[in-house]
Amino acid sequence: MYGYARVSTIDQDLALQRAALKAAGCTVIREEKASGGSRKGRTELETLLQFMRAGDTLVVTRIDRLARSLRDLQNIVHELLEKGAHLKATEQPIDTSTPAGKAFLGMLGVFAEFETNLRRERQMEGIEAARRGAQGTPAVHRRNRGQEAVGARARTFRGRQALEDRQSIRIPAQGVMPPTVQLHEQQGATKKHRQDEQRDDHEVPVVVVVCHARG
């Protein structure tokens, strides 16, 4: 029995698949980190397929570890059957040496490809949405930035004007009258002085004549 383990990215771990394949009785395990969407560049899988002989069994944990494309999966199974080898999965009821296992393989292969197509469609929708957003974003950002700049300048002007207004108001020191009060006091004093002068002009001098009687 030959085991095959695969993960899509280099930061993923193969330890769980390796342990499951060893528990299934695999004496040889080939591993690689590559995408399952295609057979291109998967040298470990190709090497393993070349070593398979009649009566051998290729073991995977799930069929999506072997291929995510229904066509690739069918081609791999066809190559194995031509050599008299079989395919088995540890976590799925797949065993091409039995009729039921072959039936499950066909159904799960269809679902695996369907899942892959859905994932690809969601990715394309996300890319298209990001592209539309990127095309409309600059103008909106420029307009928003312009509005924010105008608002900031207006707030700055109002704040500066309010500060100047507050600075123009002077609180008089203790004992010192504000200029307006001093002006009113001066005007009142001038008016009173004029009234006194007018009153003096209208007064008639009184002459007192004293007569002395002769004896």
C-alpha atoms as a PDB file:
ATOM      1  CA  MET A   1       0.000   0.000   0.000  1.00  0.00           C
ATOM      2  CA  TYR A   2       1.288   3.416  -0.985  1.00  0.00           C
ATOM      3  CA  GLY A   3       0.172   6.584   0.702  1.00  0.00           C
ATOM      4  CA  TYR A   4      -0.102  10.064  -0.779  1.00  0.00           C
ATOM      5  CA  ALA A   5      -0.405  13.245   1.329  1.00  0.00           C
ATOM      6  CA  ARG A   6      -0.843  16.769   0.026  1.00  0.00           C
ATOM      7  CA  VAL A   7      -1.494  20.280   1.317  1.00  0.00           C
ATOM      8  CA  SER A   8      -1.998  23.394  -0.765  1.00  0.00           C
ATOM      9  CA  THR A   9       0.408  25.837   0.921  1.00  0.00           C
ATOM     10  CA  ILE A  10       3.825  25.565   2.502  1.00  0.00           C
ATOM     11  CA  ASP A  11       2.598  26.769   5.913  1.00  0.00           C
ATOM     12  CA  GLN A  12       0.173  23.833   6.240  1.00  0.00           C
ATOM     13  CA  ASP A  13       1.166  20.690   8.118  1.00  0.00           C
ATOM     14  CA  LEU A  14       1.142  17.141   6.757  1.00  0.00           C
ATOM     15  CA  ALA A  15       1.426  15.438  10.156  1.00  0.00           C
ATOM     16  CA  LEU A  16      -2.238  14.410  10.451  1.00  0.00           C
ATOM     17  CA  GLN A  17      -2.347  12.898   6.962  1.00  0.00           C
ATOM     18  CA  ARG A  18       0.962  11.140   7.531  1.00  0.00           C
ATOM     19  CA  ALA A  19      -0.286   9.595  10.777  1.00  0.00           C
ATOM     20  CA  ALA A  20      -3.533   8.435   9.169  1.00  0.00           C
ATOM     21  CA  LEU A  21      -1.717   6.835   6.241  1.00  0.00           C
ATOM     22  CA  LYS A  22       0.674   5.011   8.530  1.00  0.00           C
ATOM     23  CA  ALA A  23      -2.255   3.751  10.596  1.00  0.00           C
ATOM     24  CA  ALA A  24      -3.846   2.433   7.386  1.00  0.00           C
ATOM     25  CA  GLY A  25      -0.759   0.280   6.757  1.00  0.00           C
ATOM     26  CA  CYS A  26       1.094   2.318   4.129  1.00  0.00           C
ATOM     27  CA  THR A  27       4.748   1.375   3.895  1.00  0.00           C
ATOM     28  CA  VAL A  28       5.648   4.165   1.446  1.00  0.00           C
ATOM     29  CA  ILE A  29       4.254   7.693   1.759  1.00  0.00           C
ATOM     30  CA  ARG A  30       4.877  10.438  -0.777  1.00  0.00           C
ATOM     31  CA  GLU A  31       4.205  14.037   0.300  1.00  0.00           C
ATOM     32  CA  GLU A  32       4.100  17.394  -1.411  1.00  0.00           C
ATOM     33  CA  LYS A  33       2.817  20.910  -0.951  1.00  0.00           C
ATOM     34  CA  ALA A  34       1.052  21.988  -4.103  1.00  0.00           C
ATOM     35  CA  SER A  35      -2.384  22.983  -5.377  1.00  0.00           C
ATOM     36  CA  GLY A  36      -4.822  20.193  -6.138  1.00  0.00           C
ATOM     37  CA  GLY A  37      -6.451  22.071  -8.984  1.00  0.00           C
ATOM     38  CA  SER A  38      -4.052  20.596 -11.510  1.00  0.00           C
ATOM     39  CA  ARG A  39      -1.564  17.752 -11.910  1.00  0.00           C
ATOM     40  CA  LYS A  40       1.109  20.073 -13.268  1.00  0.00           C
ATOM     41  CA  GLY A  41       4.124  20.385 -11.008  1.00  0.00           C
ATOM     42  CA  ARG A  42       3.055  17.537  -8.708  1.00  0.00           C
ATOM     43  CA  THR A  43       6.117  15.399  -9.174  1.00  0.00           C
ATOM     44  CA  GLU A  44       5.544  13.228  -6.092  1.00  0.00           C
ATOM     45  CA  LEU A  45       2.157  12.139  -7.380  1.00  0.00           C
ATOM     46  CA  GLU A  46       3.518  11.323 -10.816  1.00  0.00           C
ATOM     47  CA  THR A  47       6.398   9.356  -9.312  1.00  0.00           C
ATOM     48  CA  LEU A  48       3.981   7.405  -7.128  1.00  0.00           C
ATOM     49  CA  LEU A  49       1.702   6.570 -10.054  1.00  0.00           C
ATOM     50  CA  GLN A  50       4.656   5.215 -12.019  1.00  0.00           C
ATOM     51  CA  PHE A  51       5.574   2.787  -9.234  1.00  0.00           C
ATOM     52  CA  MET A  52       2.056   1.386  -8.907  1.00  0.00           C
ATOM     53  CA  ARG A  53       1.662  -2.229 -10.047  1.00  0.00           C
ATOM     54  CA  ALA A  54      -1.149  -4.751 -10.202  1.00  0.00           C
ATOM     55  CA  GLY A  55      -2.566  -5.484  -6.755  1.00  0.00           C
ATOM     56  CA  ASP A  56      -1.183  -2.251  -5.258  1.00  0.00           C
ATOM     57  CA  THR A  57      -3.428   0.238  -3.511  1.00  0.00           C
ATOM     58  CA  LEU A  58      -3.043   4.009  -3.481  1.00  0.00           C
ATOM     59  CA  VAL A  59      -4.290   5.397  -0.179  1.00  0.00           C
ATOM     60  CA  VAL A  60      -5.278   9.008   0.577  1.00  0.00           C
ATOM     61  CA  THR A  61      -7.135  10.504   3.516  1.00  0.00           C
ATOM     62  CA  ARG A  62      -9.708  12.172   1.207  1.00  0.00           C
ATOM     63  CA  ILE A  63     -10.048  12.261  -2.541  1.00  0.00           C
ATOM     64  CA  ASP A  64      -9.585  16.046  -2.633  1.00  0.00           C
ATOM     65  CA  ARG A  65      -5.995  15.353  -1.514  1.00  0.00           C
ATOM     66  CA  LEU A  66      -5.579  13.471  -4.782  1.00  0.00           C
ATOM     67  CA  ALA A  67      -7.386  15.860  -7.132  1.00  0.00           C
ATOM     68  CA  ARG A  68      -9.917  18.675  -7.017  1.00  0.00           C
ATOM     69  CA  SER A  69     -10.848  18.361 -10.648  1.00  0.00           C
ATOM     70  CA  LEU A  70     -13.283  15.612 -11.638  1.00  0.00           C
ATOM     71  CA  ARG A  71     -11.398  15.072 -14.869  1.00  0.00           C
ATOM     72  CA  ASP A  72      -8.040  14.712 -13.091  1.00  0.00           C
ATOM     73  CA  LEU A  73      -9.601  12.309 -10.595  1.00  0.00           C
ATOM     74  CA  GLN A  74     -11.119  10.191 -13.337  1.00  0.00           C
ATOM     75  CA  ASN A  75      -7.814  10.117 -15.217  1.00  0.00           C
ATOM     76  CA  ILE A  76      -5.895   9.018 -12.115  1.00  0.00           C
ATOM     77  CA  VAL A  77      -8.428   6.291 -11.348  1.00  0.00           C
ATOM     78  CA  HIS A  78      -8.340   5.166 -14.972  1.00  0.00           C
ATOM     79  CA  GLU A  79      -4.517   4.887 -14.853  1.00  0.00           C
ATOM     80  CA  LEU A  80      -4.698   2.864 -11.649  1.00  0.00           C
ATOM     81  CA  LEU A  81      -7.340   0.486 -13.030  1.00  0.00           C
ATOM     82  CA  GLU A  82      -5.321  -0.050 -16.176  1.00  0.00           C
ATOM     83  CA  LYS A  83      -2.390  -1.204 -14.024  1.00  0.00           C
ATOM     84  CA  GLY A  84      -4.664  -3.386 -11.893  1.00  0.00           C
ATOM     85  CA  ALA A  85      -4.256  -1.087  -8.853  1.00  0.00           C
ATOM     86  CA  HIS A  86      -6.936   0.420  -6.673  1.00  0.00           C
ATOM     87  CA  LEU A  87      -7.717   3.653  -4.811  1.00  0.00           C
ATOM     88  CA  LYS A  88      -8.781   3.875  -1.192  1.00  0.00           C
ATOM     89  CA  ALA A  89      -9.586   6.765   1.211  1.00  0.00           C
ATOM     90  CA  THR A  90      -9.277   6.507   4.973  1.00  0.00           C
ATOM     91  CA  GLU A  91     -11.880   9.147   5.860  1.00  0.00           C
ATOM     92  CA  GLN A  92     -14.395   8.343   3.100  1.00  0.00           C
ATOM     93  CA  PRO A  93     -16.097   5.091   2.048  1.00  0.00           C
ATOM     94  CA  ILE A  94     -14.075   4.845  -1.152  1.00  0.00           C
ATOM     95  CA  ASP A  95     -12.481   1.613  -2.328  1.00  0.00           C
ATOM     96  CA  THR A  96     -12.344   0.959  -6.063  1.00  0.00           C
ATOM     97  CA  SER A  97     -11.897  -2.745  -5.390  1.00  0.00           C
ATOM     98  CA  THR A  98     -15.624  -2.882  -4.469  1.00  0.00           C
ATOM     99  CA  PRO A  99     -18.701  -1.789  -6.475  1.00  0.00           C
ATOM    100  CA  ALA A 100     -19.956   0.397  -3.601  1.00  0.00           C
ATOM    101  CA  GLY A 101     -16.576   2.054  -3.301  1.00  0.00           C
ATOM    102  CA  LYS A 102     -16.548   2.868  -7.022  1.00  0.00           C
ATOM    103  CA  ALA A 103     -20.035   4.405  -6.762  1.00  0.00           C
ATOM    104  CA  PHE A 104     -19.017   6.601  -3.804  1.00  0.00           C
ATOM    105  CA  LEU A 105     -15.929   7.679  -5.703  1.00  0.00           C
ATOM    106  CA  GLY A 106     -18.014   8.979  -8.607  1.00  0.00           C
ATOM    107  CA  MET A 107     -20.400  10.879  -6.344  1.00  0.00           C
ATOM    108  CA  LEU A 108     -17.712  12.423  -4.177  1.00  0.00           C
ATOM    109  CA  GLY A 109     -15.743  13.384  -7.268  1.00  0.00           C
ATOM    110  CA  VAL A 110     -18.704  15.346  -8.572  1.00  0.00           C
ATOM    111  CA  PHE A 111     -19.122  17.138  -5.247  1.00  0.00           C
ATOM    112  CA  ALA A 112     -15.404  17.906  -5.022  1.00  0.00           C
ATOM    113  CA  GLU A 113     -15.432  19.528  -8.451  1.00  0.00           C
ATOM    114  CA  PHE A 114     -18.641  21.397  -7.602  1.00  0.00           C
ATOM    115  CA  GLU A 115     -17.007  22.783  -4.467  1.00  0.00           C
ATOM    116  CA  THR A 116     -13.966  23.848  -6.454  1.00  0.00           C
ATOM    117  CA  ASN A 117     -16.105  25.605  -9.044  1.00  0.00           C
ATOM    118  CA  LEU A 118     -18.035  27.431  -6.330  1.00  0.00           C
ATOM    119  CA  ARG A 119     -14.802  28.559  -4.683  1.00  0.00           C
ATOM    120  CA  ARG A 120     -13.445  29.806  -8.009  1.00  0.00           C
ATOM    121  CA  GLU A 121     -16.710  31.642  -8.724  1.00  0.00           C
ATOM    122  CA  ARG A 122     -16.641  33.358  -5.320  1.00  0.00           C
ATOM    123  CA  GLN A 123     -13.049  34.387  -5.898  1.00  0.00           C
ATOM    124  CA  MET A 124     -13.915  35.918  -9.270  1.00  0.00           C
ATOM    125  CA  GLU A 125     -16.871  37.755  -7.755  1.00  0.00           C
ATOM    126  CA  GLY A 126     -14.625  39.108  -5.009  1.00  0.00           C
ATOM    127  CA  ILE A 127     -12.019  40.247  -7.539  1.00  0.00           C
ATOM    128  CA  GLU A 128     -14.659  41.943  -9.671  1.00  0.00           C
ATOM    129  CA  ALA A 129     -16.191  43.684  -6.642  1.00  0.00           C
ATOM    130  CA  ALA A 130     -12.742  44.879  -5.552  1.00  0.00           C
ATOM    131  CA  ARG A 131     -12.033  46.164  -9.077  1.00  0.00           C
ATOM    132  CA  ARG A 132     -15.310  48.095  -9.203  1.00  0.00           C
ATOM    133  CA  GLY A 133     -14.648  49.515  -5.766  1.00  0.00           C
ATOM    134  CA  ALA A 134     -11.127  50.545  -6.744  1.00  0.00           C
ATOM    135  CA  GLN A 135     -12.417  52.353  -9.835  1.00  0.00           C
ATOM    136  CA  GLY A 136     -15.026  54.342  -7.926  1.00  0.00           C
ATOM    137  CA  THR A 137     -13.069  54.951  -4.760  1.00  0.00           C
ATOM    138  CA  PRO A 138     -10.618  57.729  -5.829  1.00  0.00           C
ATOM    139  CA  ALA A 139     -13.302  60.199  -6.917  1.00  0.00           C
ATOM    140  CA  VAL A 140     -15.310  59.597  -3.776  1.00  0.00           C
ATOM    141  CA  HIS A 141     -12.226  59.969  -1.625  1.00  0.00           C
ATOM    142  CA  ARG A 142     -11.221  63.158  -3.400  1.00  0.00           C
ATOM    143  CA  ARG A 143     -14.700  64.615  -2.892  1.00  0.00           C
ATOM    144  CA  ASN A 144     -14.768  63.594   0.741  1.00  0.00           C
ATOM    145  CA  ARG A 145     -11.289  64.972   1.333  1.00  0.00           C
ATOM    146  CA  GLY A 146     -12.309  68.264  -0.320  1.00  0.00           C
ATOM    147  CA  GLN A 147     -15.388  68.543   1.857  1.00  0.00           C
ATOM    148  CA  GLU A 148     -13.372  67.728   4.966  1.00  0.00           C
ATOM    149  CA  ALA A 149     -10.776  70.364   4.039  1.00  0.00           C
ATOM    150  CA  VAL A 150     -13.448  73.037   3.528  1.00  0.00           C
ATOM    151  CA  GLY A 151     -15.067  72.132   6.826  1.00  0.00           C
ATOM    152  CA  ALA A 152     -11.723  72.229   8.605  1.00  0.00           C
ATOM    153  CA  ARG A 153     -10.910  75.665   7.180  1.00  0.00           C
ATOM    154  CA  ALA A 154     -14.337  76.945   8.203  1.00  0.00           C
ATOM    155  CA  ARG A 155     -13.910  75.622  11.735  1.00  0.00           C
ATOM    156  CA  THR A 156     -10.453  77.157  11.923  1.00  0.00           C
ATOM    157  CA  PHE A 157     -11.743  80.540  10.764  1.00  0.00           C
ATOM    158  CA  ARG A 158     -14.603  80.501  13.261  1.00  0.00           C
ATOM    159  CA  GLY A 159     -12.249  79.506  16.043  1.00  0.00           C
ATOM    160  CA  ARG A 160      -9.771  82.248  15.133  1.00  0.00           C
ATOM    161  CA  GLN A 161     -12.583  84.843  14.911  1.00  0.00           C
ATOM    162  CA  ALA A 162     -13.925  83.811  18.300  1.00  0.00           C
ATOM    163  CA  LEU A 163     -10.432  84.072  19.768  1.00  0.00           C
ATOM    164  CA  GLU A 164      -9.964  87.565  18.339  1.00  0.00           C
ATOM    165  CA  ASP A 165     -13.347  88.613  19.723  1.00  0.00           C
ATOM    166  CA  ARG A 166     -12.383  87.364  23.166  1.00  0.00           C
ATOM    167  CA  GLN A 167      -9.025  89.109  22.992  1.00  0.00           C
ATOM    168  CA  SER A 168     -10.685  92.432  22.002  1.00  0.00           C
ATOM    169  CA  ILE A 169     -12.608  92.470  25.294  1.00  0.00           C
ATOM    170  CA  ARG A 170     -10.490  93.967  28.091  1.00  0.00           C
ATOM    171  CA  ILE A 171     -11.545  93.673  31.700  1.00  0.00           C
ATOM    172  CA  PRO A 172     -10.741  96.968  33.447  1.00  0.00           C
ATOM    173  CA  ALA A 173      -8.446  96.923  36.421  1.00  0.00           C
ATOM    174  CA  GLN A 174      -9.844  97.497  39.850  1.00  0.00           C
ATOM    175  CA  GLY A 175     -10.673 101.156  40.388  1.00  0.00           C
ATOM    176  CA  VAL A 176     -10.392 102.065  36.694  1.00  0.00           C
ATOM    177  CA  MET A 177     -13.576 102.826  34.830  1.00  0.00           C
ATOM    178  CA  PRO A 178     -14.084 101.535  31.309  1.00  0.00           C
ATOM    179  CA  PRO A 179     -13.644 104.115  28.512  1.00  0.00           C
ATOM    180  CA  THR A 180     -17.388 104.351  27.879  1.00  0.00           C
ATOM    181  CA  VAL A 181     -18.071 105.181  31.519  1.00  0.00           C
ATOM    182  CA  GLN A 182     -15.284 107.793  31.510  1.00  0.00           C
ATOM    183  CA  LEU A 183     -16.756 109.389  28.388  1.00  0.00           C
ATOM    184  CA  HIS A 184     -20.193 109.568  29.950  1.00  0.00           C
ATOM    185  CA  GLU A 185     -18.711 111.113  33.089  1.00  0.00           C
ATOM    186  CA  GLN A 186     -16.862 113.744  31.042  1.00  0.00           C
ATOM    187  CA  GLN A 187     -19.941 114.600  29.001  1.00  0.00           C
ATOM    188  CA  GLY A 188     -21.989 114.971  32.198  1.00  0.00           C
ATOM    189  CA  ALA A 189     -19.399 117.253  33.780  1.00  0.00           C
ATOM    190  CA  THR A 190     -19.216 119.462  30.682  1.00  0.00           C
ATOM    191  CA  LYS A 191     -22.971 119.758  30.524  1.00  0.00           C
ATOM    192  CA  LYS A 192     -23.190 120.723  34.210  1.00  0.00           C
ATOM    193  CA  HIS A 193     -20.495 123.357  33.754  1.00  0.00           C
ATOM    194  CA  ARG A 194     -22.393 124.924  30.867  1.00  0.00           C
ATOM    195  CA  GLN A 195     -25.605 125.000  32.899  1.00  0.00           C
ATOM    196  CA  ASP A 196     -23.795 126.762  35.745  1.00  0.00           C
ATOM    197  CA  GLU A 197     -22.407 129.371  33.365  1.00  0.00           C
ATOM    198  CA  GLN A 198     -25.847 130.015  31.863  1.00  0.00           C
ATOM    199  CA  ARG A 199     -27.347 130.367  35.309  1.00  0.00           C
ATOM    200  CA  ASP A 200     -24.676 132.895  36.279  1.00  0.00           C
ATOM    201  CA  ASP A 201     -25.351 134.954  33.142  1.00  0.00           C
ATOM    202  CA  HIS A 202     -29.050 135.296  33.946  1.00  0.00           C
ATOM    203  CA  GLU A 203     -28.636 136.316  37.508  1.00  0.00           C
ATOM    204  CA  VAL A 204     -29.289 140.085  38.096  1.00  0.00           C
ATOM    205  CA  PRO A 205     -26.868 141.755  40.410  1.00  0.00           C
ATOM    206  CA  VAL A 206     -28.539 143.260  43.479  1.00  0.00           C
ATOM    207  CA  VAL A 207     -27.248 146.666  44.632  1.00  0.00           C
ATOM    208  CA  VAL A 208     -27.840 147.469  48.254  1.00  0.00           C
ATOM    209  CA  VAL A 209     -28.028 151.155  48.989  1.00  0.00           C
ATOM    210  CA  VAL A 210     -27.556 152.189  52.591  1.00  0.00           C
ATOM    211  CA  CYS A 211     -28.871 155.620  53.546  1.00  0.00           C
ATOM    212  CA  HIS A 212     -27.717 157.303  56.659  1.00  0.00           C
ATOM    213  CA  ALA A 213     -30.199 159.810  58.232  1.00  0.00           C
ATOM    214  CA  ARG A 214     -28.853 163.197  59.323  1.00  0.00           C
ATOM    215  CA  GLY A 215     -29.560 164.449  62.795  1.00  0.00           C
END
